[in-house]
Amino acid sequence: MSQKTIVIKLPPGQHGQLQQRLAEAGLSFQPVPHAKFSARGQGVVATLYKSGKLVVQGAEPELFTGRFLEGAPAPEAPRAKKEAEAIPRRACATLGSDECGKGDYFGPLVVVAVLLEEEDVAELTASGLAESKRISDERALAMGAALRERYPYAVRRLDPPEYNRAHGELRNLNPLLARLHGEAIRELARPGLHVLVDQFGKEELVAGEVSDLDIDLEQRPRAEEHPAVAAASVIARQEFLEALAELSREAAVDLRKGAGTPVDRAGREYVSIHGEEALGRVAKLHFKNTTRVLA
């Protein structure tokens, strides 16, 4: 049975009531970044974020809302998708690979591969899984956790110190990305498998990393239209966001996403507290932000 997701904007006065009802019903609670609580049980995972959005995921989330949220607002309607984006080009078992963090000054570089069998491709296509750039951070965190529990995946992550060493040796991001994609693909690959990569550079880079594998490798732009790459994109973003949040807590500075002016301000605040020599612990030093932060 396919997974469904319901998102409800819950008034503040109902937050405590819902948590109490879930506890009384025997659901188990676990910490989730940016969330007031996340409860598991009754065939669903229900996460209430600090923004007031309740994300309910499971085979039949309507049963959960009917039992615990009587009189709650209607679920938010999902965004319509173009037909071309909703139907994958290959209806077969597919290993999809994508990355997150390459355009972010702070935080790691993350590459994730996800393996979907043929029935999984159909299931996620029907679920309306969105590529991670189209969803909020909160939903990416919740969806990433749910996808990890259901499908085989491989993660390759370079935190800033390791990233800076590797980039210093290669002096080029694309060969480094290709190496990480190759390692993630290799962990899940099997003979004859269709492997789809969201193309980021010359095709020979990734092809060279997996040349000894008996796979059907395809690289193309906007490969996230396929649910295997979309799932990899969501998990990669979840991994990146959680790592960035952890770095922010350790640094006592709100390390921002991207590479714009707010990032520069955060970098200067970090340096004022920890010193210039510590910047490589949280940042990708070859970015132009480094010059601006240290000016």
Protein backbone atom coordinates (compact mmCIF):
# COMPACT_ATOMS: atom_id res chain seq x y z
CA MET A 1 0.00 0.00 0.00
CA SER A 2 1.37 3.44 -0.95
CA GLN A 3 2.40 6.08 1.54
CA LYS A 4 0.33 9.27 1.77
CA THR A 5 1.14 12.62 3.33
CA ILE A 6 -1.33 15.07 4.88
CA VAL A 7 -0.29 18.56 5.99
CA ILE A 8 -2.54 20.52 8.39
CA LYS A 9 -2.00 23.97 9.87
CA LEU A 10 -2.89 23.37 13.52
CA PRO A 11 -3.92 26.29 15.79
CA PRO A 12 -1.58 26.76 18.80
CA GLY A 13 -4.36 25.91 21.24
CA GLN A 14 -4.57 22.37 19.86
CA HIS A 15 -0.85 21.52 20.06
CA GLY A 16 -0.80 20.39 23.67
CA GLN A 17 -4.14 18.61 23.36
CA LEU A 18 -2.92 16.57 20.41
CA GLN A 19 0.31 15.59 22.15
CA GLN A 20 -1.62 14.44 25.21
CA ARG A 21 -4.05 12.37 23.12
CA LEU A 22 -1.21 10.68 21.27
CA ALA A 23 0.59 9.88 24.52
CA GLU A 24 -2.58 8.42 26.01
CA ALA A 25 -3.02 6.28 22.88
CA GLY A 26 0.43 4.78 23.38
CA LEU A 27 2.28 6.37 20.45
CA SER A 28 6.06 6.64 20.84
CA PHE A 29 7.79 10.02 20.65
CA GLN A 30 11.15 10.89 19.16
CA PRO A 31 13.04 14.18 18.67
CA VAL A 32 13.01 15.75 15.21
CA PRO A 33 14.83 19.00 14.28
CA HIS A 34 12.57 22.08 14.23
CA ALA A 35 9.63 20.08 15.60
CA LYS A 36 7.66 20.29 18.83
CA PHE A 37 7.25 16.51 18.71
CA SER A 38 7.13 13.54 16.37
CA ALA A 39 4.94 10.57 17.27
CA ARG A 40 4.91 7.10 15.72
CA GLY A 41 2.14 4.52 15.89
CA GLN A 42 -1.31 3.66 14.54
CA GLY A 43 0.37 3.10 11.15
CA VAL A 44 1.54 6.70 10.79
CA VAL A 45 4.29 9.15 11.70
CA ALA A 46 2.85 12.48 12.90
CA THR A 47 5.26 15.41 13.25
CA LEU A 48 4.19 18.81 14.59
CA TYR A 49 6.65 21.53 13.60
CA LYS A 50 7.20 24.78 15.47
CA SER A 51 5.51 26.62 12.61
CA GLY A 52 2.26 24.87 13.57
CA LYS A 53 2.23 22.56 10.55
CA LEU A 54 1.31 18.96 11.32
CA VAL A 55 2.69 16.44 8.81
CA VAL A 56 1.00 13.02 8.95
CA GLN A 57 2.51 10.22 6.85
CA GLY A 58 1.29 6.67 6.44
CA ALA A 59 -0.84 4.33 4.39
CA GLU A 60 -4.10 5.82 5.68
CA PRO A 61 -3.39 9.15 7.42
CA GLU A 62 -7.08 10.08 7.14
CA LEU A 63 -7.86 7.51 9.84
CA PHE A 64 -5.39 9.22 12.14
CA THR A 65 -6.83 12.68 11.57
CA GLY A 66 -10.35 11.37 12.00
CA ARG A 67 -9.49 9.85 15.37
CA PHE A 68 -7.23 12.51 16.90
CA LEU A 69 -8.11 15.75 15.11
CA GLU A 70 -11.86 16.11 15.20
CA GLY A 71 -12.77 19.59 13.99
CA ALA A 72 -9.25 20.34 12.75
CA PRO A 73 -8.70 22.46 9.60
CA ALA A 74 -8.78 20.67 6.25
CA PRO A 75 -5.45 19.34 4.92
CA GLU A 76 -3.50 21.62 2.61
CA ALA A 77 -4.04 20.70 -1.02
CA PRO A 78 -0.91 19.38 -2.77
CA ARG A 79 0.46 21.42 -5.64
CA ALA A 80 -0.58 20.22 -9.06
CA LYS A 81 2.18 18.64 -11.12
CA LYS A 82 2.65 18.75 -14.85
CA GLU A 83 1.85 15.45 -16.51
CA ALA A 84 5.35 15.19 -17.94
CA GLU A 85 6.82 15.52 -14.46
CA ALA A 86 4.45 13.01 -12.86
CA ILE A 87 5.28 10.10 -15.18
CA PRO A 88 8.80 8.64 -15.09
CA ARG A 89 10.47 7.87 -18.40
CA ARG A 90 11.50 4.39 -17.28
CA ALA A 91 8.96 2.12 -15.57
CA CYS A 92 11.52 -0.33 -14.21
CA ALA A 93 13.69 -0.86 -11.16
CA THR A 94 15.87 2.26 -10.91
CA LEU A 95 18.73 3.48 -8.77
CA GLY A 96 18.58 7.29 -8.59
CA SER A 97 21.37 9.57 -7.37
CA ASP A 98 21.39 13.28 -6.48
CA GLU A 99 23.25 15.73 -4.26
CA CYS A 100 22.74 18.66 -1.89
CA GLY A 101 25.00 21.36 -0.47
CA LYS A 102 27.21 22.13 -3.45
CA GLY A 103 25.90 25.72 -3.62
CA ASP A 104 25.93 26.27 0.15
CA TYR A 105 28.88 27.95 1.85
CA PHE A 106 28.17 26.37 5.22
CA GLY A 107 27.60 22.68 5.85
CA PRO A 108 28.55 19.46 4.10
CA LEU A 109 28.35 18.19 0.56
CA VAL A 110 25.91 15.27 0.46
CA VAL A 111 25.27 12.68 -2.24
CA VAL A 112 22.50 10.10 -1.87
CA ALA A 113 21.45 7.13 -3.99
CA VAL A 114 18.05 5.45 -3.61
CA LEU A 115 17.02 2.08 -5.05
CA LEU A 116 13.41 1.65 -6.15
CA GLU A 117 12.01 -1.61 -7.47
CA GLU A 118 9.47 -1.41 -10.29
CA GLU A 119 6.50 -1.45 -7.91
CA ASP A 120 8.18 1.25 -5.78
CA VAL A 121 8.49 3.50 -8.84
CA ALA A 122 4.76 3.17 -9.45
CA GLU A 123 4.01 3.74 -5.76
CA LEU A 124 6.03 6.94 -5.46
CA THR A 125 4.77 8.24 -8.78
CA ALA A 126 1.20 7.88 -7.52
CA SER A 127 2.11 9.54 -4.21
CA GLY A 128 3.10 12.78 -5.94
CA LEU A 129 6.62 12.83 -4.47
CA ALA A 130 8.16 16.24 -5.17
CA GLU A 131 11.79 16.93 -5.88
CA SER A 132 13.33 18.50 -2.79
CA LYS A 133 13.79 22.01 -4.19
CA ARG A 134 9.99 22.39 -4.42
CA ILE A 135 9.19 21.61 -0.79
CA SER A 136 9.81 23.37 2.50
CA ASP A 137 12.67 22.47 4.82
CA GLU A 138 10.19 21.09 7.32
CA ARG A 139 8.60 18.77 4.80
CA ALA A 140 11.99 17.67 3.46
CA LEU A 141 13.02 16.64 6.99
CA ALA A 142 9.83 14.63 7.52
CA MET A 143 9.76 13.09 4.04
CA GLY A 144 13.45 12.21 4.18
CA ALA A 145 12.97 10.31 7.42
CA ALA A 146 9.99 8.42 5.98
CA LEU A 147 11.83 7.52 2.76
CA ARG A 148 14.82 6.19 4.71
CA GLU A 149 12.59 3.76 6.55
CA ARG A 150 10.99 2.37 3.39
CA TYR A 151 13.62 2.20 0.62
CA PRO A 152 17.29 1.13 0.35
CA TYR A 153 19.60 4.15 0.23
CA ALA A 154 23.29 5.07 0.43
CA VAL A 155 24.70 8.35 1.75
CA ARG A 156 28.08 9.90 1.04
CA ARG A 157 28.75 13.05 3.06
CA LEU A 158 31.79 15.30 3.22
CA ASP A 159 31.73 17.63 6.21
CA PRO A 160 33.59 20.93 5.73
CA PRO A 161 37.03 19.80 7.02
CA GLU A 162 37.04 16.71 4.75
CA TYR A 163 35.49 18.71 1.90
CA ASN A 164 38.18 21.39 2.09
CA ARG A 165 40.96 18.79 2.04
CA ALA A 166 39.44 16.93 -0.93
CA HIS A 167 38.70 20.10 -2.90
CA GLY A 168 42.20 21.37 -2.19
CA GLU A 169 43.61 18.26 -3.84
CA LEU A 170 41.30 18.23 -6.89
CA ARG A 171 40.77 21.99 -7.33
CA ASN A 172 37.48 21.17 -9.03
CA LEU A 173 34.07 20.30 -7.62
CA ASN A 174 32.76 18.07 -10.40
CA PRO A 175 35.38 15.28 -10.10
CA LEU A 176 34.70 15.26 -6.35
CA LEU A 177 30.95 15.00 -6.94
CA ALA A 178 31.49 12.21 -9.45
CA ARG A 179 33.53 10.25 -6.91
CA LEU A 180 30.78 10.54 -4.29
CA HIS A 181 28.06 9.58 -6.79
CA GLY A 182 30.15 6.58 -7.82
CA GLU A 183 30.60 5.42 -4.23
CA ALA A 184 26.87 5.75 -3.45
CA ILE A 185 25.88 3.95 -6.66
CA ARG A 186 28.39 1.17 -6.05
CA GLU A 187 26.89 0.43 -2.62
CA LEU A 188 23.45 -0.42 -4.09
CA ALA A 189 24.15 -1.46 -7.69
CA ARG A 190 23.40 -4.90 -9.13
CA PRO A 191 23.96 -6.32 -12.63
CA GLY A 192 21.72 -4.85 -15.33
CA LEU A 193 20.21 -2.19 -13.07
CA HIS A 194 19.02 1.11 -14.56
CA VAL A 195 20.97 3.89 -12.83
CA LEU A 196 19.82 7.49 -13.26
CA VAL A 197 21.93 10.50 -12.21
CA ASP A 198 20.92 14.14 -12.22
CA GLN A 199 23.60 15.39 -14.63
CA PHE A 200 25.94 18.05 -13.23
CA GLY A 201 28.95 17.91 -15.58
CA LYS A 202 30.58 15.88 -18.33
CA GLU A 203 29.07 12.41 -18.52
CA GLU A 204 32.46 10.71 -18.54
CA LEU A 205 33.10 11.82 -14.94
CA VAL A 206 30.45 9.60 -13.33
CA ALA A 207 30.79 6.97 -16.07
CA GLY A 208 34.47 6.61 -15.24
CA GLU A 209 33.73 6.06 -11.56
CA VAL A 210 31.40 3.11 -12.30
CA SER A 211 32.95 1.77 -15.51
CA ASP A 212 33.56 -1.65 -13.97
CA LEU A 213 29.89 -2.13 -12.99
CA ASP A 214 27.39 -3.96 -15.18
CA ILE A 215 24.73 -1.25 -15.08
CA ASP A 216 22.61 0.79 -17.49
CA LEU A 217 23.85 4.30 -16.63
CA GLU A 218 21.77 7.30 -17.72
CA GLN A 219 22.66 10.92 -16.97
CA ARG A 220 20.36 13.80 -17.85
CA PRO A 221 19.30 17.23 -16.61
CA ARG A 222 16.16 17.38 -14.45
CA ALA A 223 16.43 13.70 -13.68
CA GLU A 224 14.52 14.46 -10.47
CA GLU A 225 11.35 14.05 -12.54
CA HIS A 226 11.91 10.35 -11.86
CA PRO A 227 10.84 9.33 -8.32
CA ALA A 228 14.13 7.50 -7.63
CA VAL A 229 16.13 10.70 -8.13
CA ALA A 230 13.45 12.75 -6.38
CA ALA A 231 13.69 10.45 -3.34
CA ALA A 232 17.50 10.75 -3.38
CA SER A 233 17.16 14.54 -3.58
CA VAL A 234 14.84 14.66 -0.56
CA ILE A 235 17.06 12.43 1.60
CA ALA A 236 20.14 14.41 0.59
CA ARG A 237 18.45 17.63 1.62
CA GLN A 238 17.32 16.11 4.92
CA GLU A 239 20.90 15.00 5.63
CA PHE A 240 22.24 18.46 4.76
CA LEU A 241 19.68 20.34 6.87
CA GLU A 242 20.28 18.17 9.93
CA ALA A 243 24.05 18.57 9.58
CA LEU A 244 23.74 22.35 9.19
CA ALA A 245 21.48 22.55 12.25
CA GLU A 246 24.02 20.56 14.28
CA LEU A 247 26.87 22.84 13.17
CA SER A 248 24.77 25.87 14.13
CA ARG A 249 24.12 24.48 17.60
CA GLU A 250 27.79 23.71 18.13
CA ALA A 251 28.85 27.14 16.90
CA ALA A 252 26.10 29.09 18.70
CA VAL A 253 25.56 30.87 15.36
CA ASP A 254 22.68 30.54 12.91
CA LEU A 255 24.65 29.28 9.90
CA ARG A 256 22.54 30.10 6.88
CA LYS A 257 21.89 28.22 3.66
CA GLY A 258 23.13 29.44 0.29
CA ALA A 259 25.93 31.90 -0.38
CA GLY A 260 24.33 35.36 -0.18
CA THR A 261 24.55 38.35 2.15
CA PRO A 262 22.93 36.63 5.19
CA VAL A 263 25.59 33.92 4.87
CA ASP A 264 28.35 36.53 4.95
CA ARG A 265 26.88 38.06 8.11
CA ALA A 266 26.73 34.64 9.76
CA GLY A 267 30.33 34.00 8.72
CA ARG A 268 31.55 37.24 10.29
CA GLU A 269 29.67 36.41 13.48
CA TYR A 270 31.24 32.95 13.54
CA VAL A 271 34.75 34.35 13.04
CA SER A 272 34.22 36.96 15.78
CA ILE A 273 33.46 34.13 18.22
CA HIS A 274 35.72 31.30 17.07
CA GLY A 275 38.48 32.99 15.07
CA GLU A 276 39.53 32.88 11.43
CA GLU A 277 41.38 29.58 11.78
CA ALA A 278 38.15 27.80 12.75
CA LEU A 279 36.19 28.84 9.65
CA GLY A 280 37.11 25.65 7.80
CA ARG A 281 35.23 23.61 10.38
CA VAL A 282 31.88 24.90 9.11
CA ALA A 283 32.47 26.44 5.66
CA LYS A 284 33.63 25.51 2.15
CA LEU A 285 36.65 27.78 2.00
CA HIS A 286 37.02 28.07 -1.79
CA PHE A 287 33.74 30.01 -2.02
CA LYS A 288 34.04 33.77 -2.59
CA ASN A 289 32.25 34.22 0.73
CA THR A 290 35.52 33.54 2.52
CA THR A 291 37.09 36.69 1.09
CA ARG A 292 34.08 38.76 2.07
CA VAL A 293 33.85 37.23 5.56
CA LEU A 294 37.52 37.86 6.33
CA ALA A 295 37.70 41.32 4.72
